[in-house]
Structure formats: structure tokens, C-alpha cells
């Protein structure tokens, strides 16, 4: 298939590499000059990406990518699948840009992480037959280590998605499972998928509660290995409870962070979830964040926790832990995340009642 990946950062490059390697016709589209520009210049000049793939016995190889560009028209001309792999605050812009093109061949848009970004695409592409999928985590975890070169660190065992409209979910899944063998699992609705994004829990609590260590060590920090002590797990459980109350109200299926981690990462689902997390932290968890001024705060607090709190307020569900974390994070980096976060208001859904919202996310 002709696949366009929007976003040329860690995730975009990794999935462009793997999809090209599997024989797909891939276009990698960079939409900004904010991050990873040196890397983009090198891979564009090389016509592809160098990679050490730790999921393939640390194999080092070069993979040609069909098109690496900043040109929207060239990138979208023949696209059958669009994967959106940008930071979530760019979703409104990406959705608006897509609406300017005819997209005659496009079958599905897969947004990872979603954080309910599918709403913007539904609104911009209204009356379209294009399917939209909310993903909560990427199949591969990777990092750009130098311009033109990525390390693929880990491959998920399973990835779940929600597809809208729900009455065409089998059609959407049939396409997505041709791309990655980790897919094949559904979330009940787009809100359930958004709130099961692991970063909403692990990045926010882990970084906020470790801010002094991150700064004192100048970023010599391994979040998954170091942050989650017994007292921090108490916070995780409380945040899980708030998240799951919102999911249940929206007719979704609740799941703890640890159980969701096991579902993504562990072949043997009979294992203890905490032990699975410890194995991941030791063997697969990436280093970082190197600073609190990172997406661990600037994406996952406003696009994750503020989103959770906004829905909870509409549903009449108290969220003291979420709200406290948002306030503390705002203080740590002198940024009002309540103002810039993803809310029902900037999703253009605030006019809906609680019950109407439940219907909307289940469409």
C-alpha cells in the first residue's frame, strides 16, 4: 500500500523504516522546523534511514524510503493510509491541512498517540468515507541517536485501537493488520483508547515526582527503572481509579495501567502485571526524560491529564489526583496547562451533555 507518515521524529522514522523494510511504499512527511531538522536533512539526502534494530538481534542496516519530503501535495497524492505521528498539540493543524486535499485514494487515518485527536479529523473531514483510528501506543519504540540514524528499542506484543465509525471497524482493522502484526485488538470507543494511552499515567507521574532528580543529574535518569517506588505506585492506583471511572461512564472497559502494560508487552498474559513492568523497565524501557521541559510534561499533561479532567467534570466525576498533577506540573514549568490543554471546549464538544458525549465517542 501507499502509506504516508506525517511526522519525522523518533516514531515517524522508526515506522517508516519498518514499513519500507516490509515492502510497503512509504512517504515520510515533515511538517515543521521545530525538532529533528538535522536528522531530516540527512535522511532526505541519503534517501533513507540507518537503523540498529534491537528487535532483530541488533541488526544494523540501511532502508531506502520511497519519498522523504516537506511537500504536502506530493506526500498525499497517492496515499491509501495516513499515519499521524506528531505531538498531539499539532492535531488541529494536521487535520485542517488534510482537509485541503482531495485524498481520493485515502482509506484510513491512524493517529498515534490519539489523545482524542480523531475528533479534529472527524470534524475537518466531515461527510467523508475515510475511516479514522485512535491508537494509544506505537508498535515500535525508538530513538534518533544521531542525524540519519535510529535505534529501534522495543516492539509491542499487542496494540489496541478504536475505529470510527464503529460499524466499519472490521474494515479498518483489515487494513491496519496488513501494516503491523501487533494489531488486531479493539478498544470499545475512542475515549477508552485515548485514556488507555500509557503516557497519561507513567510519563506524568514519573516525571513530575522525579523532577528534582532529573534536574540534579542533568538528565542521567531512567524513568521506568527509577521512578516507580511503592509510594509512587499508590499515586498510580489513584490516578487509574479516576481514569477508569471516566472510561466506565463512557461505556468503555476499564483497565489498570499495569494490566494495560502487560497487555501491550507480554506474550504470557497469566504473568503478574507488576513483574512484567519490572522486566520492561530493566530490558526495554528507554532512558529519559533528560529534562522536565519535554513531551513527558508538555504533551502528556495538557493532552492527557487535562483531557481526562475535562471529561470527568462533564460526567460529574471528581479527579483530585489528576487536577493536582496538572497544577503541580504547571508550577514546575511556569505554564498554565489548564489554558493550553485539550478540553471539551477546544474539541468543540462542550455543547454536548454527558449522555450526548457518551453517544458521540461510541459512534
Foldseek 3Di string as FASTA:
>chain_A
DEEEEEDDFWQLQVLLQQQQVVPYQYEYAYADPPDLPLQLVVCQVVQWFWEQEVVVVRDTDTGHHNYYYNDPCVRQVQHQEYEYDDFLLCLLVVLQVVLVDPSVNHAEYEYVQPLVSVLSNCVSQPPDNHKYKHWQHHQWGKHDPDRRYIYTQDGWQATEIAMPPNVCVVVVQVVVCVSPVRYDHYWQFNLRRNQLNLLLQQLLLQCLVCQVVLVVVLQQFQSLQPRDDPVSVVLQVLQLVLSQVLQVLLVTDRDGNLLSLCNTHPPDSVDDSVVSSNVCSVRGGDGDDNHLPDCSLVRSLQSHLLASVQLCVLVVHDDVSSVVSQVSSCVVVVHNSNVSHDHCVVSVNVVDHNVRVSVVRND
